Amino acid sequence: MIKFFVSGNPAPQGSKNTSAQKRKGVYTGKVNVYESSKALKPWRELVTWHARRHKQAKPLDGPLVLTVEFFLLKPATTKYPDYPLGTPDTDKLLRAIGDALTQAGLVADDARFVDTHASKRWATDKPGVRIQIEEIVS
């Protein structure tokens, strides 16, 4: 079992923005697609760095269980004092984690996660994510 905590503000992955390409003031018919969250790149790099510290000789390549707990900063005012019911979406937060674990070489591919448990809570101490990976042994 691998367990670690990454301190920082979790950032979602998945929402995209687009812009039409122009060349010499004329639209080319092509579209640029980019992540809408500017916080995504540094967040994924941070998770990747921590994941590399737990990397083994070979990436985990069998069926895996992923348990992730996100701890988000609570705004000064919120309609939801008990739980973070608004954005970011849990599934978009998970995408960033899966891709970072794969990029780090800790897992062969995030498709290996056959069982995933995720939660998001208000941070009582510091924001971040607790990650646990378990191999399923037949």
C-alpha atoms as a PDB file:
ATOM      1  CA  MET A   1       0.000   0.000   0.000  1.00  0.00           C
ATOM      2  CA  ILE A   2       1.213   3.497  -0.859  1.00  0.00           C
ATOM      3  CA  LYS A   3      -0.007   6.517   1.116  1.00  0.00           C
ATOM      4  CA  PHE A   4       0.992  10.160   0.957  1.00  0.00           C
ATOM      5  CA  PHE A   5      -0.329  13.696   1.440  1.00  0.00           C
ATOM      6  CA  VAL A   6       0.210  16.595  -0.951  1.00  0.00           C
ATOM      7  CA  SER A   7      -0.191  20.024   0.604  1.00  0.00           C
ATOM      8  CA  GLY A   8      -1.606  22.716  -1.687  1.00  0.00           C
ATOM      9  CA  ASN A   9      -4.816  23.902  -3.312  1.00  0.00           C
ATOM     10  CA  PRO A  10      -6.328  21.068  -5.373  1.00  0.00           C
ATOM     11  CA  ALA A  11      -7.042  22.109  -8.963  1.00  0.00           C
ATOM     12  CA  PRO A  12      -9.514  20.475 -11.361  1.00  0.00           C
ATOM     13  CA  GLN A  13      -8.717  19.123 -14.800  1.00  0.00           C
ATOM     14  CA  GLY A  14     -11.193  18.767 -17.617  1.00  0.00           C
ATOM     15  CA  SER A  15     -12.822  22.105 -18.294  1.00  0.00           C
ATOM     16  CA  LYS A  16     -11.492  23.541 -21.520  1.00  0.00           C
ATOM     17  CA  ASN A  17     -11.519  26.918 -23.242  1.00  0.00           C
ATOM     18  CA  THR A  18     -11.151  27.457 -26.960  1.00  0.00           C
ATOM     19  CA  SER A  19     -10.056  30.219 -29.264  1.00  0.00           C
ATOM     20  CA  ALA A  20     -10.077  30.487 -33.050  1.00  0.00           C
ATOM     21  CA  GLN A  21      -6.647  30.548 -34.713  1.00  0.00           C
ATOM     22  CA  LYS A  22      -5.722  33.523 -36.843  1.00  0.00           C
ATOM     23  CA  ARG A  23      -2.806  33.892 -39.203  1.00  0.00           C
ATOM     24  CA  LYS A  24      -2.036  37.384 -40.499  1.00  0.00           C
ATOM     25  CA  GLY A  25      -5.448  38.535 -39.300  1.00  0.00           C
ATOM     26  CA  VAL A  26      -7.351  35.769 -41.147  1.00  0.00           C
ATOM     27  CA  TYR A  27      -9.088  32.881 -39.400  1.00  0.00           C
ATOM     28  CA  THR A  28      -7.478  29.554 -40.309  1.00  0.00           C
ATOM     29  CA  GLY A  29     -10.476  27.360 -39.469  1.00  0.00           C
ATOM     30  CA  LYS A  30      -8.486  25.729 -36.658  1.00  0.00           C
ATOM     31  CA  VAL A  31      -9.237  25.985 -32.960  1.00  0.00           C
ATOM     32  CA  ASN A  32      -6.862  26.184 -29.991  1.00  0.00           C
ATOM     33  CA  VAL A  33      -8.001  24.162 -26.966  1.00  0.00           C
ATOM     34  CA  TYR A  34      -6.484  24.767 -23.522  1.00  0.00           C
ATOM     35  CA  GLU A  35      -7.202  24.074 -19.868  1.00  0.00           C
ATOM     36  CA  SER A  36      -9.359  26.728 -18.252  1.00  0.00           C
ATOM     37  CA  SER A  37      -7.694  26.351 -14.831  1.00  0.00           C
ATOM     38  CA  LYS A  38      -4.364  28.183 -14.625  1.00  0.00           C
ATOM     39  CA  ALA A  39      -3.776  26.428 -11.300  1.00  0.00           C
ATOM     40  CA  LEU A  40      -3.818  22.966 -12.917  1.00  0.00           C
ATOM     41  CA  LYS A  41      -0.229  22.822 -14.196  1.00  0.00           C
ATOM     42  CA  PRO A  42       1.494  23.718 -10.890  1.00  0.00           C
ATOM     43  CA  TRP A  43      -0.891  21.437  -8.959  1.00  0.00           C
ATOM     44  CA  ARG A  44      -0.214  18.445 -11.219  1.00  0.00           C
ATOM     45  CA  GLU A  45       3.538  19.109 -11.042  1.00  0.00           C
ATOM     46  CA  LEU A  46       3.344  19.119  -7.235  1.00  0.00           C
ATOM     47  CA  VAL A  47       1.371  15.853  -7.117  1.00  0.00           C
ATOM     48  CA  THR A  48       3.753  14.303  -9.671  1.00  0.00           C
ATOM     49  CA  TRP A  49       6.772  15.314  -7.559  1.00  0.00           C
ATOM     50  CA  HIS A  50       5.294  13.694  -4.428  1.00  0.00           C
ATOM     51  CA  ALA A  51       4.238  10.574  -6.352  1.00  0.00           C
ATOM     52  CA  ARG A  52       7.785  10.125  -7.724  1.00  0.00           C
ATOM     53  CA  ARG A  53       9.045   9.873  -4.154  1.00  0.00           C
ATOM     54  CA  HIS A  54       6.961   6.675  -3.808  1.00  0.00           C
ATOM     55  CA  LYS A  55       7.839   5.274  -7.221  1.00  0.00           C
ATOM     56  CA  GLN A  56       8.955   1.662  -7.324  1.00  0.00           C
ATOM     57  CA  ALA A  57      11.283  -0.112  -9.755  1.00  0.00           C
ATOM     58  CA  LYS A  58       8.319  -0.740 -12.061  1.00  0.00           C
ATOM     59  CA  PRO A  59       5.042   1.164 -12.282  1.00  0.00           C
ATOM     60  CA  LEU A  60       2.076  -0.552 -10.628  1.00  0.00           C
ATOM     61  CA  ASP A  61       0.440  -2.365 -13.517  1.00  0.00           C
ATOM     62  CA  GLY A  62      -2.319  -4.589 -12.126  1.00  0.00           C
ATOM     63  CA  PRO A  63      -5.783  -3.843 -10.766  1.00  0.00           C
ATOM     64  CA  LEU A  64      -5.589  -1.004  -8.241  1.00  0.00           C
ATOM     65  CA  VAL A  65      -7.794   0.682  -5.661  1.00  0.00           C
ATOM     66  CA  LEU A  66      -7.449   4.470  -5.415  1.00  0.00           C
ATOM     67  CA  THR A  67      -8.691   6.345  -2.364  1.00  0.00           C
ATOM     68  CA  VAL A  68      -8.441  10.124  -2.512  1.00  0.00           C
ATOM     69  CA  GLU A  69      -9.499  12.714   0.062  1.00  0.00           C
ATOM     70  CA  PHE A  70      -9.453  16.342  -1.064  1.00  0.00           C
ATOM     71  CA  PHE A  71      -9.257  19.097   1.536  1.00  0.00           C
ATOM     72  CA  LEU A  72     -10.366  22.465   0.157  1.00  0.00           C
ATOM     73  CA  LEU A  73      -9.981  25.952   1.588  1.00  0.00           C
ATOM     74  CA  LYS A  74     -13.285  27.150   2.984  1.00  0.00           C
ATOM     75  CA  PRO A  75     -14.227  30.629   1.726  1.00  0.00           C
ATOM     76  CA  ALA A  76     -15.089  33.348   4.230  1.00  0.00           C
ATOM     77  CA  THR A  77     -18.728  33.088   3.192  1.00  0.00           C
ATOM     78  CA  THR A  78     -20.424  30.091   1.644  1.00  0.00           C
ATOM     79  CA  LYS A  79     -23.929  28.746   1.110  1.00  0.00           C
ATOM     80  CA  TYR A  80     -22.560  25.354   2.142  1.00  0.00           C
ATOM     81  CA  PRO A  81     -20.905  25.578   5.566  1.00  0.00           C
ATOM     82  CA  ASP A  82     -20.728  21.823   6.242  1.00  0.00           C
ATOM     83  CA  TYR A  83     -19.448  20.421   2.929  1.00  0.00           C
ATOM     84  CA  PRO A  84     -17.923  21.847  -0.276  1.00  0.00           C
ATOM     85  CA  LEU A  85     -20.969  21.217  -2.466  1.00  0.00           C
ATOM     86  CA  GLY A  86     -19.917  23.604  -5.227  1.00  0.00           C
ATOM     87  CA  THR A  87     -17.033  23.627  -7.656  1.00  0.00           C
ATOM     88  CA  PRO A  88     -14.565  22.128  -8.214  1.00  0.00           C
ATOM     89  CA  ASP A  89     -16.253  18.866  -9.182  1.00  0.00           C
ATOM     90  CA  THR A  90     -14.818  15.766  -7.529  1.00  0.00           C
ATOM     91  CA  ASP A  91     -14.457  13.949 -10.864  1.00  0.00           C
ATOM     92  CA  LYS A  92     -12.414  16.811 -12.339  1.00  0.00           C
ATOM     93  CA  LEU A  93     -10.169  16.849  -9.262  1.00  0.00           C
ATOM     94  CA  LEU A  94      -9.660  13.092  -9.736  1.00  0.00           C
ATOM     95  CA  ARG A  95      -8.597  13.514 -13.380  1.00  0.00           C
ATOM     96  CA  ALA A  96      -5.657  15.658 -12.324  1.00  0.00           C
ATOM     97  CA  ILE A  97      -4.588  13.066  -9.731  1.00  0.00           C
ATOM     98  CA  GLY A  98      -4.828  10.106 -12.115  1.00  0.00           C
ATOM     99  CA  ASP A  99      -2.799  11.853 -14.790  1.00  0.00           C
ATOM    100  CA  ALA A 100      -0.159  12.994 -12.269  1.00  0.00           C
ATOM    101  CA  LEU A 101       0.246   9.454 -10.880  1.00  0.00           C
ATOM    102  CA  THR A 102       0.696   8.132 -14.420  1.00  0.00           C
ATOM    103  CA  GLN A 103       3.119  10.927 -15.383  1.00  0.00           C
ATOM    104  CA  ALA A 104       5.171  10.202 -12.259  1.00  0.00           C
ATOM    105  CA  GLY A 105       5.549   6.562 -13.293  1.00  0.00           C
ATOM    106  CA  LEU A 106       3.944   5.370 -10.057  1.00  0.00           C
ATOM    107  CA  VAL A 107       1.183   3.610 -12.023  1.00  0.00           C
ATOM    108  CA  ALA A 108       1.389   2.301 -15.586  1.00  0.00           C
ATOM    109  CA  ASP A 109      -1.869   4.040 -16.507  1.00  0.00           C
ATOM    110  CA  ASP A 110      -4.710   5.550 -14.522  1.00  0.00           C
ATOM    111  CA  ALA A 111      -6.961   3.030 -16.298  1.00  0.00           C
ATOM    112  CA  ARG A 112      -5.558   0.473 -13.794  1.00  0.00           C
ATOM    113  CA  PHE A 113      -7.785   1.975 -11.086  1.00  0.00           C
ATOM    114  CA  VAL A 114     -10.676  -0.469 -11.024  1.00  0.00           C
ATOM    115  CA  ASP A 115     -12.061   0.803  -7.738  1.00  0.00           C
ATOM    116  CA  THR A 116     -11.991   4.505  -6.840  1.00  0.00           C
ATOM    117  CA  HIS A 117     -13.132   6.240  -3.667  1.00  0.00           C
ATOM    118  CA  ALA A 118     -13.083  10.034  -3.548  1.00  0.00           C
ATOM    119  CA  SER A 119     -14.270  12.659  -1.112  1.00  0.00           C
ATOM    120  CA  LYS A 120     -13.931  16.395  -0.710  1.00  0.00           C
ATOM    121  CA  ARG A 121     -14.129  18.205   2.592  1.00  0.00           C
ATOM    122  CA  TRP A 122     -13.348  21.627   3.966  1.00  0.00           C
ATOM    123  CA  ALA A 123      -9.768  21.750   5.197  1.00  0.00           C
ATOM    124  CA  THR A 124      -9.568  22.033   8.979  1.00  0.00           C
ATOM    125  CA  ASP A 125      -5.776  22.273   8.945  1.00  0.00           C
ATOM    126  CA  LYS A 126      -4.221  22.742   5.518  1.00  0.00           C
ATOM    127  CA  PRO A 127      -5.586  22.219   2.003  1.00  0.00           C
ATOM    128  CA  GLY A 128      -4.346  19.340  -0.095  1.00  0.00           C
ATOM    129  CA  VAL A 129      -5.026  15.732  -0.974  1.00  0.00           C
ATOM    130  CA  ARG A 130      -4.450  12.421   0.783  1.00  0.00           C
ATOM    131  CA  ILE A 131      -3.760   9.645  -1.723  1.00  0.00           C
ATOM    132  CA  GLN A 132      -3.790   5.915  -1.046  1.00  0.00           C
ATOM    133  CA  ILE A 133      -3.125   3.214  -3.653  1.00  0.00           C
ATOM    134  CA  GLU A 134      -3.635  -0.486  -2.990  1.00  0.00           C
ATOM    135  CA  GLU A 135      -2.924  -3.404  -5.273  1.00  0.00           C
ATOM    136  CA  ILE A 136      -5.655  -6.019  -5.627  1.00  0.00           C
ATOM    137  CA  VAL A 137      -4.037  -9.400  -5.160  1.00  0.00           C
ATOM    138  CA  SER A 138      -5.894 -12.380  -6.589  1.00  0.00           C
END
